[in-house]
Amino acid sequence: MATDLNDLQAFMAVARAGGFREGARATAGSASALSEAIRRLETQLGVRLFNRTTRSVALTEAGAGLLARLGPALGEVEAALDVVNGFRDRPAGTLRLNVPISASRLVLPRIVPGFLAAYPAIRLEVIAEENFIDLLVAGCDAGIRYDERLEQDMIAVPIGPRTQRFTTSAAPAYLERHGRPQHPRDLLGHACVRGRFPSGVMTPWEFERDGEVVRVDTTGPLVVSIGGGVDLAVDAAIAGVGILWLFEDWVRPHFESGVLEPVLEPWWQSFSGPFLYYPGRRLVPAPLRAFIDYIKSPAGHW
């Protein structure tokens, strides 16, 4: 069965984006052209790949099965074609990265401008989210994660600061009203601003001092989604809602301005910095190879 590669790519675009309009924006095409391509593909295959309503587009079971197998296959095709890229004076093409929102805010701003200036023929696309994904199925070349979330079969390259800390902080006015905790367990008597992962998990706050590790299941009046809700959590803490637990780099500007005050600083726990990771079972695309070389160079090194 001869199937048009463009129709398969149209299917991938709609499936990854979750809709025809979104797929059209991602591919700089038109929704009508994508719709026509999907109609041709469904007619040829004899199965429905998407369930369509006036408000949503969702994969059928057959569509989900095709996506799971087609993503890695098209990735291999793109990697094979990318071999030619190695013969260019400068790499060209698109580099797609899947990163947590914290990395898009705290790590990439110091890397991306210089990288794009060094490789003007590369187009960088960053997808910032907290969900774990299959890079190949999602059409991404690489991702950024912390070591405890890395899969064993991935190649990992350090990126960004190699040591980070979790901090606790609060508005001075809140601490004047409610007192300053002296031990992590004192937080049980305070209002705390919590974060929840997309999985629904709310991890305890963890502290360490002189080898002693203390985990505290705090409570409070506000819970936000980790990632997209963090700015709200910071604003709420500044407004005096409660005590915040967050990356030091995220709140350092607020320490410097004085709107947030460090709390329990001797107990702040350090952890290793993030890694760029990518599958080791296929050729590395030229744009990704250029990015790896850049973050290893003095210009991209933290």
C-alpha atoms as a PDB file:
ATOM      1  CA  MET A   1       0.000   0.000   0.000  1.00  0.00           C
ATOM      2  CA  ALA A   2       1.638   3.225  -1.173  1.00  0.00           C
ATOM      3  CA  THR A   3       0.909   6.039   1.247  1.00  0.00           C
ATOM      4  CA  ASP A   4       1.893   9.657   0.691  1.00  0.00           C
ATOM      5  CA  LEU A   5       4.559  10.649   3.219  1.00  0.00           C
ATOM      6  CA  ASN A   6       3.071  14.139   3.351  1.00  0.00           C
ATOM      7  CA  ASP A   7      -0.263  12.682   4.483  1.00  0.00           C
ATOM      8  CA  LEU A   8       1.501  10.770   7.260  1.00  0.00           C
ATOM      9  CA  GLN A   9       3.274  13.942   8.348  1.00  0.00           C
ATOM     10  CA  ALA A  10      -0.084  15.743   8.341  1.00  0.00           C
ATOM     11  CA  PHE A  11      -1.474  13.020  10.604  1.00  0.00           C
ATOM     12  CA  MET A  12       1.465  13.453  12.986  1.00  0.00           C
ATOM     13  CA  ALA A  13       1.007  17.224  13.064  1.00  0.00           C
ATOM     14  CA  VAL A  14      -2.689  16.998  13.952  1.00  0.00           C
ATOM     15  CA  ALA A  15      -2.131  14.216  16.504  1.00  0.00           C
ATOM     16  CA  ARG A  16       0.704  16.022  18.269  1.00  0.00           C
ATOM     17  CA  ALA A  17      -1.047  19.397  18.294  1.00  0.00           C
ATOM     18  CA  GLY A  18      -4.459  18.021  19.257  1.00  0.00           C
ATOM     19  CA  GLY A  19      -6.393  19.700  16.463  1.00  0.00           C
ATOM     20  CA  PHE A  20      -6.386  20.909  12.859  1.00  0.00           C
ATOM     21  CA  ARG A  21      -5.971  24.608  13.628  1.00  0.00           C
ATOM     22  CA  GLU A  22      -3.217  23.919  16.136  1.00  0.00           C
ATOM     23  CA  GLY A  23      -1.522  21.553  13.679  1.00  0.00           C
ATOM     24  CA  ALA A  24      -1.723  24.182  10.969  1.00  0.00           C
ATOM     25  CA  ARG A  25      -0.028  26.739  13.226  1.00  0.00           C
ATOM     26  CA  ALA A  26       2.722  24.263  14.086  1.00  0.00           C
ATOM     27  CA  THR A  27       3.411  23.473  10.415  1.00  0.00           C
ATOM     28  CA  ALA A  28       2.762  26.941   8.979  1.00  0.00           C
ATOM     29  CA  GLY A  29       0.102  25.385   6.763  1.00  0.00           C
ATOM     30  CA  SER A  30      -3.674  25.499   6.600  1.00  0.00           C
ATOM     31  CA  ALA A  31      -6.278  23.585   8.573  1.00  0.00           C
ATOM     32  CA  SER A  32      -8.187  22.733   5.392  1.00  0.00           C
ATOM     33  CA  ALA A  33      -5.092  21.181   3.804  1.00  0.00           C
ATOM     34  CA  LEU A  34      -4.490  19.063   6.905  1.00  0.00           C
ATOM     35  CA  SER A  35      -8.137  18.006   6.974  1.00  0.00           C
ATOM     36  CA  GLU A  36      -7.966  16.930   3.334  1.00  0.00           C
ATOM     37  CA  ALA A  37      -4.766  14.982   3.981  1.00  0.00           C
ATOM     38  CA  ILE A  38      -6.368  13.140   6.907  1.00  0.00           C
ATOM     39  CA  ARG A  39      -9.455  12.366   4.793  1.00  0.00           C
ATOM     40  CA  ARG A  40      -7.234  10.831   2.079  1.00  0.00           C
ATOM     41  CA  LEU A  41      -5.290   8.810   4.641  1.00  0.00           C
ATOM     42  CA  GLU A  42      -8.412   7.487   6.370  1.00  0.00           C
ATOM     43  CA  THR A  43      -9.932   6.558   2.997  1.00  0.00           C
ATOM     44  CA  GLN A  44      -6.808   4.710   1.956  1.00  0.00           C
ATOM     45  CA  LEU A  45      -6.409   2.875   5.259  1.00  0.00           C
ATOM     46  CA  GLY A  46     -10.125   2.177   5.598  1.00  0.00           C
ATOM     47  CA  VAL A  47     -10.278   3.231   9.258  1.00  0.00           C
ATOM     48  CA  ARG A  48     -11.119   6.385  11.150  1.00  0.00           C
ATOM     49  CA  LEU A  49      -8.044   7.918  12.780  1.00  0.00           C
ATOM     50  CA  PHE A  50      -9.727  10.819  14.601  1.00  0.00           C
ATOM     51  CA  ASN A  51     -13.054  11.339  16.294  1.00  0.00           C
ATOM     52  CA  ARG A  52     -14.164  14.845  15.380  1.00  0.00           C
ATOM     53  CA  THR A  53     -16.730  17.087  17.026  1.00  0.00           C
ATOM     54  CA  THR A  54     -17.351  20.799  16.634  1.00  0.00           C
ATOM     55  CA  ARG A  55     -15.174  21.400  19.718  1.00  0.00           C
ATOM     56  CA  SER A  56     -12.524  18.713  19.762  1.00  0.00           C
ATOM     57  CA  VAL A  57     -10.398  16.284  17.783  1.00  0.00           C
ATOM     58  CA  ALA A  58      -9.300  13.057  19.494  1.00  0.00           C
ATOM     59  CA  LEU A  59      -7.413  10.007  18.288  1.00  0.00           C
ATOM     60  CA  THR A  60      -9.347   6.781  17.842  1.00  0.00           C
ATOM     61  CA  GLU A  61      -7.801   3.534  19.063  1.00  0.00           C
ATOM     62  CA  ALA A  62      -6.515   2.938  15.524  1.00  0.00           C
ATOM     63  CA  GLY A  63      -5.132   6.474  15.386  1.00  0.00           C
ATOM     64  CA  ALA A  64      -3.358   6.058  18.712  1.00  0.00           C
ATOM     65  CA  GLY A  65      -1.799   2.820  17.488  1.00  0.00           C
ATOM     66  CA  LEU A  66      -0.601   4.487  14.308  1.00  0.00           C
ATOM     67  CA  LEU A  67       0.863   7.411  16.277  1.00  0.00           C
ATOM     68  CA  ALA A  68       2.805   5.087  18.583  1.00  0.00           C
ATOM     69  CA  ARG A  69       4.472   3.290  15.652  1.00  0.00           C
ATOM     70  CA  LEU A  70       4.711   6.144  13.180  1.00  0.00           C
ATOM     71  CA  GLY A  71       6.467   8.666  15.448  1.00  0.00           C
ATOM     72  CA  PRO A  72       9.671   6.639  15.842  1.00  0.00           C
ATOM     73  CA  ALA A  73       9.562   5.554  12.176  1.00  0.00           C
ATOM     74  CA  LEU A  74       9.337   9.110  10.842  1.00  0.00           C
ATOM     75  CA  GLY A  75      12.020  10.110  13.305  1.00  0.00           C
ATOM     76  CA  GLU A  76      14.342   7.564  11.715  1.00  0.00           C
ATOM     77  CA  VAL A  77      13.500   8.883   8.226  1.00  0.00           C
ATOM     78  CA  GLU A  78      14.269  12.439   9.330  1.00  0.00           C
ATOM     79  CA  ALA A  79      17.506  11.275  10.960  1.00  0.00           C
ATOM     80  CA  ALA A  80      18.552   9.501   7.766  1.00  0.00           C
ATOM     81  CA  LEU A  81      17.889  12.592   5.673  1.00  0.00           C
ATOM     82  CA  ASP A  82      19.721  14.674   8.252  1.00  0.00           C
ATOM     83  CA  VAL A  83      22.959  12.850   7.460  1.00  0.00           C
ATOM     84  CA  VAL A  84      23.225  15.197   4.472  1.00  0.00           C
ATOM     85  CA  ASN A  85      23.126  18.097   6.912  1.00  0.00           C
ATOM     86  CA  GLY A  86      26.560  17.102   8.125  1.00  0.00           C
ATOM     87  CA  PHE A  87      28.019  18.123   4.780  1.00  0.00           C
ATOM     88  CA  ARG A  88      26.791  21.716   5.104  1.00  0.00           C
ATOM     89  CA  ASP A  89      29.029  24.528   6.317  1.00  0.00           C
ATOM     90  CA  ARG A  90      26.505  25.190   9.081  1.00  0.00           C
ATOM     91  CA  PRO A  91      23.749  22.859  10.357  1.00  0.00           C
ATOM     92  CA  ALA A  92      20.206  23.790   9.415  1.00  0.00           C
ATOM     93  CA  GLY A  93      16.738  22.573  10.330  1.00  0.00           C
ATOM     94  CA  THR A  94      14.441  22.442  13.334  1.00  0.00           C
ATOM     95  CA  LEU A  95      15.422  21.404  16.851  1.00  0.00           C
ATOM     96  CA  ARG A  96      12.480  20.455  19.101  1.00  0.00           C
ATOM     97  CA  LEU A  97      13.090  20.372  22.867  1.00  0.00           C
ATOM     98  CA  ASN A  98      10.660  19.218  25.562  1.00  0.00           C
ATOM     99  CA  VAL A  99      11.522  20.882  28.871  1.00  0.00           C
ATOM    100  CA  PRO A 100       9.986  21.548  32.287  1.00  0.00           C
ATOM    101  CA  ILE A 101       8.754  25.088  32.767  1.00  0.00           C
ATOM    102  CA  SER A 102      11.470  25.709  35.356  1.00  0.00           C
ATOM    103  CA  ALA A 103      14.133  24.994  32.716  1.00  0.00           C
ATOM    104  CA  SER A 104      12.477  27.285  30.189  1.00  0.00           C
ATOM    105  CA  ARG A 105      12.622  30.046  32.772  1.00  0.00           C
ATOM    106  CA  LEU A 106      15.866  29.404  34.655  1.00  0.00           C
ATOM    107  CA  VAL A 107      18.191  27.560  32.246  1.00  0.00           C
ATOM    108  CA  LEU A 108      17.427  28.267  28.594  1.00  0.00           C
ATOM    109  CA  PRO A 109      17.406  32.107  28.687  1.00  0.00           C
ATOM    110  CA  ARG A 110      21.178  32.075  29.266  1.00  0.00           C
ATOM    111  CA  ILE A 111      21.763  29.613  26.410  1.00  0.00           C
ATOM    112  CA  VAL A 112      19.236  30.189  23.630  1.00  0.00           C
ATOM    113  CA  PRO A 113      20.204  33.689  22.386  1.00  0.00           C
ATOM    114  CA  GLY A 114      23.858  32.775  21.950  1.00  0.00           C
ATOM    115  CA  PHE A 115      23.025  29.431  20.346  1.00  0.00           C
ATOM    116  CA  LEU A 116      20.668  30.974  17.794  1.00  0.00           C
ATOM    117  CA  ALA A 117      23.229  33.651  16.999  1.00  0.00           C
ATOM    118  CA  ALA A 118      25.882  30.979  16.429  1.00  0.00           C
ATOM    119  CA  TYR A 119      23.571  28.831  14.262  1.00  0.00           C
ATOM    120  CA  PRO A 120      21.254  31.180  12.348  1.00  0.00           C
ATOM    121  CA  ALA A 121      20.004  28.392  10.052  1.00  0.00           C
ATOM    122  CA  ILE A 122      18.555  26.409  12.977  1.00  0.00           C
ATOM    123  CA  ARG A 123      14.980  26.960  14.160  1.00  0.00           C
ATOM    124  CA  LEU A 124      14.492  26.113  17.832  1.00  0.00           C
ATOM    125  CA  GLU A 125      11.089  24.974  19.096  1.00  0.00           C
ATOM    126  CA  VAL A 126      10.664  24.633  22.862  1.00  0.00           C
ATOM    127  CA  ILE A 127       7.692  22.763  24.357  1.00  0.00           C
ATOM    128  CA  ALA A 128       7.494  23.585  28.067  1.00  0.00           C
ATOM    129  CA  GLU A 129       5.401  21.206  30.181  1.00  0.00           C
ATOM    130  CA  GLU A 130       5.676  19.032  33.269  1.00  0.00           C
ATOM    131  CA  ASN A 131       4.298  15.756  31.863  1.00  0.00           C
ATOM    132  CA  PHE A 132       6.622  12.863  31.076  1.00  0.00           C
ATOM    133  CA  ILE A 133       6.590  12.045  27.382  1.00  0.00           C
ATOM    134  CA  ASP A 134       8.065   9.659  24.851  1.00  0.00           C
ATOM    135  CA  LEU A 135      10.381  11.969  22.917  1.00  0.00           C
ATOM    136  CA  LEU A 136      10.136  10.066  19.637  1.00  0.00           C
ATOM    137  CA  VAL A 137       6.352   9.714  19.685  1.00  0.00           C
ATOM    138  CA  ALA A 138       6.012  13.417  20.536  1.00  0.00           C
ATOM    139  CA  GLY A 139       8.330  14.364  17.692  1.00  0.00           C
ATOM    140  CA  CYS A 140      10.971  15.929  19.942  1.00  0.00           C
ATOM    141  CA  ASP A 141      14.704  15.569  19.417  1.00  0.00           C
ATOM    142  CA  ALA A 142      15.690  15.957  23.061  1.00  0.00           C
ATOM    143  CA  GLY A 143      14.434  17.046  26.455  1.00  0.00           C
ATOM    144  CA  ILE A 144      15.617  18.483  29.733  1.00  0.00           C
ATOM    145  CA  ARG A 145      14.973  16.661  33.005  1.00  0.00           C
ATOM    146  CA  TYR A 146      16.590  16.037  36.368  1.00  0.00           C
ATOM    147  CA  ASP A 147      18.506  12.827  36.955  1.00  0.00           C
ATOM    148  CA  GLU A 148      15.796  11.094  39.005  1.00  0.00           C
ATOM    149  CA  ARG A 149      13.435  11.427  36.028  1.00  0.00           C
ATOM    150  CA  LEU A 150      15.791  10.218  33.311  1.00  0.00           C
ATOM    151  CA  GLU A 151      15.132   6.898  31.589  1.00  0.00           C
ATOM    152  CA  GLN A 152      18.008   4.453  31.703  1.00  0.00           C
ATOM    153  CA  ASP A 153      18.389   4.112  27.915  1.00  0.00           C
ATOM    154  CA  MET A 154      18.852   7.845  27.354  1.00  0.00           C
ATOM    155  CA  ILE A 155      22.092   9.714  26.793  1.00  0.00           C
ATOM    156  CA  ALA A 156      22.362  12.604  29.271  1.00  0.00           C
ATOM    157  CA  VAL A 157      24.503  15.731  28.969  1.00  0.00           C
ATOM    158  CA  PRO A 158      24.740  18.303  31.801  1.00  0.00           C
ATOM    159  CA  ILE A 159      23.058  21.607  31.033  1.00  0.00           C
ATOM    160  CA  GLY A 160      22.673  24.682  33.211  1.00  0.00           C
ATOM    161  CA  PRO A 161      23.822  25.065  36.827  1.00  0.00           C
ATOM    162  CA  ARG A 162      25.261  21.875  38.281  1.00  0.00           C
ATOM    163  CA  THR A 163      23.992  22.574  41.784  1.00  0.00           C
ATOM    164  CA  GLN A 164      20.666  24.092  42.762  1.00  0.00           C
ATOM    165  CA  ARG A 165      18.779  24.547  46.029  1.00  0.00           C
ATOM    166  CA  PHE A 166      15.214  24.451  47.217  1.00  0.00           C
ATOM    167  CA  THR A 167      14.407  27.509  49.303  1.00  0.00           C
ATOM    168  CA  THR A 168      11.666  28.491  51.701  1.00  0.00           C
ATOM    169  CA  SER A 169      10.596  32.099  51.889  1.00  0.00           C
ATOM    170  CA  ALA A 170       7.761  34.387  52.872  1.00  0.00           C
ATOM    171  CA  ALA A 171       6.798  38.038  52.849  1.00  0.00           C
ATOM    172  CA  PRO A 172       8.252  39.994  55.793  1.00  0.00           C
ATOM    173  CA  ALA A 173       4.725  41.049  56.782  1.00  0.00           C
ATOM    174  CA  TYR A 174       3.616  37.405  57.018  1.00  0.00           C
ATOM    175  CA  LEU A 175       6.594  36.530  59.218  1.00  0.00           C
ATOM    176  CA  GLU A 176       5.946  39.528  61.471  1.00  0.00           C
ATOM    177  CA  ARG A 177       2.376  38.315  62.015  1.00  0.00           C
ATOM    178  CA  HIS A 178       3.020  34.589  62.381  1.00  0.00           C
ATOM    179  CA  GLY A 179       6.636  34.293  63.507  1.00  0.00           C
ATOM    180  CA  ARG A 180       9.740  32.886  61.860  1.00  0.00           C
ATOM    181  CA  PRO A 181      10.140  29.083  61.816  1.00  0.00           C
ATOM    182  CA  GLN A 182      13.320  27.828  63.467  1.00  0.00           C
ATOM    183  CA  HIS A 183      12.999  24.161  62.432  1.00  0.00           C
ATOM    184  CA  PRO A 184      11.324  22.566  59.386  1.00  0.00           C
ATOM    185  CA  ARG A 185       8.691  20.939  61.621  1.00  0.00           C
ATOM    186  CA  ASP A 186       7.597  24.433  62.691  1.00  0.00           C
ATOM    187  CA  LEU A 187       6.094  24.712  59.195  1.00  0.00           C
ATOM    188  CA  LEU A 188       3.255  22.451  60.356  1.00  0.00           C
ATOM    189  CA  GLY A 189       1.917  25.476  62.225  1.00  0.00           C
ATOM    190  CA  HIS A 190       2.139  27.803  59.223  1.00  0.00           C
ATOM    191  CA  ALA A 191       0.156  28.506  56.063  1.00  0.00           C
ATOM    192  CA  CYS A 192       2.143  27.097  53.143  1.00  0.00           C
ATOM    193  CA  VAL A 193       1.711  27.519  49.399  1.00  0.00           C
ATOM    194  CA  ARG A 194       1.789  24.032  47.844  1.00  0.00           C
ATOM    195  CA  GLY A 195       2.433  22.668  44.356  1.00  0.00           C
ATOM    196  CA  ARG A 196       0.857  19.653  42.659  1.00  0.00           C
ATOM    197  CA  PHE A 197       2.363  17.706  39.743  1.00  0.00           C
ATOM    198  CA  PRO A 198       0.207  16.859  36.702  1.00  0.00           C
ATOM    199  CA  SER A 199       0.086  13.276  38.030  1.00  0.00           C
ATOM    200  CA  GLY A 200      -1.706  14.561  41.110  1.00  0.00           C
ATOM    201  CA  VAL A 201       1.248  13.970  43.423  1.00  0.00           C
ATOM    202  CA  MET A 202       2.065  16.569  46.081  1.00  0.00           C
ATOM    203  CA  THR A 203       5.558  15.854  47.333  1.00  0.00           C
ATOM    204  CA  PRO A 204       6.565  16.668  50.915  1.00  0.00           C
ATOM    205  CA  TRP A 205       8.954  19.554  51.466  1.00  0.00           C
ATOM    206  CA  GLU A 206      12.449  18.222  52.083  1.00  0.00           C
ATOM    207  CA  PHE A 207      15.200  19.818  54.160  1.00  0.00           C
ATOM    208  CA  GLU A 208      18.717  18.782  55.152  1.00  0.00           C
ATOM    209  CA  ARG A 209      21.260  19.941  57.707  1.00  0.00           C
ATOM    210  CA  ASP A 210      24.422  18.220  58.943  1.00  0.00           C
ATOM    211  CA  GLY A 211      23.297  14.930  57.427  1.00  0.00           C
ATOM    212  CA  GLU A 212      19.808  15.062  58.942  1.00  0.00           C
ATOM    213  CA  VAL A 213      16.984  14.946  56.385  1.00  0.00           C
ATOM    214  CA  VAL A 214      13.531  16.171  57.379  1.00  0.00           C
ATOM    215  CA  ARG A 215      10.408  15.786  55.232  1.00  0.00           C
ATOM    216  CA  VAL A 216       7.339  17.834  56.080  1.00  0.00           C
ATOM    217  CA  ASP A 217       3.828  17.441  54.658  1.00  0.00           C
ATOM    218  CA  THR A 218       2.809  21.066  54.823  1.00  0.00           C
ATOM    219  CA  THR A 219      -0.705  22.421  54.399  1.00  0.00           C
ATOM    220  CA  GLY A 220      -2.077  25.775  53.389  1.00  0.00           C
ATOM    221  CA  PRO A 221      -4.779  27.776  51.688  1.00  0.00           C
ATOM    222  CA  LEU A 222      -3.369  27.636  48.138  1.00  0.00           C
ATOM    223  CA  VAL A 223      -2.352  24.745  45.858  1.00  0.00           C
ATOM    224  CA  VAL A 224      -1.083  25.443  42.322  1.00  0.00           C
ATOM    225  CA  SER A 225      -0.034  23.244  39.422  1.00  0.00           C
ATOM    226  CA  ILE A 226       3.735  22.819  39.307  1.00  0.00           C
ATOM    227  CA  GLY A 227       4.875  24.639  36.201  1.00  0.00           C
ATOM    228  CA  GLY A 228       2.109  26.908  35.002  1.00  0.00           C
ATOM    229  CA  GLY A 229       0.919  27.903  38.460  1.00  0.00           C
ATOM    230  CA  VAL A 230       4.265  28.823  39.993  1.00  0.00           C
ATOM    231  CA  ASP A 231       4.079  32.532  39.171  1.00  0.00           C
ATOM    232  CA  LEU A 232       0.740  32.686  41.005  1.00  0.00           C
ATOM    233  CA  ALA A 233       2.326  30.945  43.990  1.00  0.00           C
ATOM    234  CA  VAL A 234       5.161  33.493  44.058  1.00  0.00           C
ATOM    235  CA  ASP A 235       2.754  36.436  43.794  1.00  0.00           C
ATOM    236  CA  ALA A 236       0.625  34.974  46.583  1.00  0.00           C
ATOM    237  CA  ALA A 237       3.646  34.559  48.840  1.00  0.00           C
ATOM    238  CA  ILE A 238       4.694  38.154  48.164  1.00  0.00           C
ATOM    239  CA  ALA A 239       1.166  39.228  49.104  1.00  0.00           C
ATOM    240  CA  GLY A 240       1.491  37.453  52.458  1.00  0.00           C
ATOM    241  CA  VAL A 241      -0.599  34.326  51.845  1.00  0.00           C
ATOM    242  CA  GLY A 242       2.001  31.968  53.279  1.00  0.00           C
ATOM    243  CA  ILE A 243       5.413  30.318  53.036  1.00  0.00           C
ATOM    244  CA  LEU A 244       6.773  29.242  49.647  1.00  0.00           C
ATOM    245  CA  TRP A 245       9.087  26.318  48.747  1.00  0.00           C
ATOM    246  CA  LEU A 246      10.766  26.826  45.373  1.00  0.00           C
ATOM    247  CA  PHE A 247      14.006  26.835  43.372  1.00  0.00           C
ATOM    248  CA  GLU A 248      16.455  29.424  44.657  1.00  0.00           C
ATOM    249  CA  ASP A 249      17.062  30.857  41.179  1.00  0.00           C
ATOM    250  CA  TRP A 250      13.333  31.536  40.775  1.00  0.00           C
ATOM    251  CA  VAL A 251      12.998  33.619  43.933  1.00  0.00           C
ATOM    252  CA  ARG A 252      16.453  35.194  44.216  1.00  0.00           C
ATOM    253  CA  PRO A 253      15.338  38.467  42.550  1.00  0.00           C
ATOM    254  CA  HIS A 254      12.626  38.764  45.218  1.00  0.00           C
ATOM    255  CA  PHE A 255      15.202  38.258  47.974  1.00  0.00           C
ATOM    256  CA  GLU A 256      17.268  41.047  46.471  1.00  0.00           C
ATOM    257  CA  SER A 257      14.282  43.391  46.285  1.00  0.00           C
ATOM    258  CA  GLY A 258      13.196  42.499  49.822  1.00  0.00           C
ATOM    259  CA  VAL A 259       9.617  41.470  49.002  1.00  0.00           C
ATOM    260  CA  LEU A 260      10.442  37.915  50.113  1.00  0.00           C
ATOM    261  CA  GLU A 261      12.589  36.928  53.077  1.00  0.00           C
ATOM    262  CA  PRO A 262      14.565  33.657  53.278  1.00  0.00           C
ATOM    263  CA  VAL A 263      13.229  31.184  55.839  1.00  0.00           C
ATOM    264  CA  LEU A 264      15.140  28.224  57.339  1.00  0.00           C
ATOM    265  CA  GLU A 265      18.158  28.929  55.125  1.00  0.00           C
ATOM    266  CA  PRO A 266      20.538  26.604  57.041  1.00  0.00           C
ATOM    267  CA  TRP A 267      18.150  23.758  56.117  1.00  0.00           C
ATOM    268  CA  TRP A 268      17.943  24.438  52.385  1.00  0.00           C
ATOM    269  CA  GLN A 269      18.651  21.239  50.465  1.00  0.00           C
ATOM    270  CA  SER A 270      20.968  21.139  47.453  1.00  0.00           C
ATOM    271  CA  PHE A 271      20.346  18.917  44.426  1.00  0.00           C
ATOM    272  CA  SER A 272      22.113  18.254  41.146  1.00  0.00           C
ATOM    273  CA  GLY A 273      21.298  20.372  38.099  1.00  0.00           C
ATOM    274  CA  PRO A 274      19.381  19.293  35.003  1.00  0.00           C
ATOM    275  CA  PHE A 275      20.457  17.257  31.986  1.00  0.00           C
ATOM    276  CA  LEU A 276      19.758  17.427  28.291  1.00  0.00           C
ATOM    277  CA  TYR A 277      18.704  13.903  27.303  1.00  0.00           C
ATOM    278  CA  TYR A 278      18.052  12.166  24.005  1.00  0.00           C
ATOM    279  CA  PRO A 279      17.675   8.615  22.660  1.00  0.00           C
ATOM    280  CA  GLY A 280      20.930   6.820  22.032  1.00  0.00           C
ATOM    281  CA  ARG A 281      19.521   4.323  19.547  1.00  0.00           C
ATOM    282  CA  ARG A 282      19.487   6.547  16.461  1.00  0.00           C
ATOM    283  CA  LEU A 283      21.647   9.035  14.614  1.00  0.00           C
ATOM    284  CA  VAL A 284      21.869  12.424  16.287  1.00  0.00           C
ATOM    285  CA  PRO A 285      20.285  15.102  14.042  1.00  0.00           C
ATOM    286  CA  ALA A 286      22.648  17.888  13.047  1.00  0.00           C
ATOM    287  CA  PRO A 287      20.711  20.646  14.884  1.00  0.00           C
ATOM    288  CA  LEU A 288      20.814  18.597  18.092  1.00  0.00           C
ATOM    289  CA  ARG A 289      24.506  17.845  17.638  1.00  0.00           C
ATOM    290  CA  ALA A 290      25.122  21.582  17.243  1.00  0.00           C
ATOM    291  CA  PHE A 291      23.168  22.282  20.443  1.00  0.00           C
ATOM    292  CA  ILE A 292      25.123  19.637  22.371  1.00  0.00           C
ATOM    293  CA  ASP A 293      28.415  21.061  21.126  1.00  0.00           C
ATOM    294  CA  TYR A 294      27.274  24.564  22.115  1.00  0.00           C
ATOM    295  CA  ILE A 295      26.311  23.692  25.708  1.00  0.00           C
ATOM    296  CA  LYS A 296      29.643  21.920  26.112  1.00  0.00           C
ATOM    297  CA  SER A 297      31.534  24.968  24.835  1.00  0.00           C
ATOM    298  CA  PRO A 298      32.609  27.887  27.050  1.00  0.00           C
ATOM    299  CA  ALA A 299      29.836  30.013  25.520  1.00  0.00           C
ATOM    300  CA  GLY A 300      27.095  27.627  26.606  1.00  0.00           C
ATOM    301  CA  HIS A 301      28.710  26.318  29.793  1.00  0.00           C
ATOM    302  CA  TRP A 302      27.227  27.453  33.108  1.00  0.00           C
END
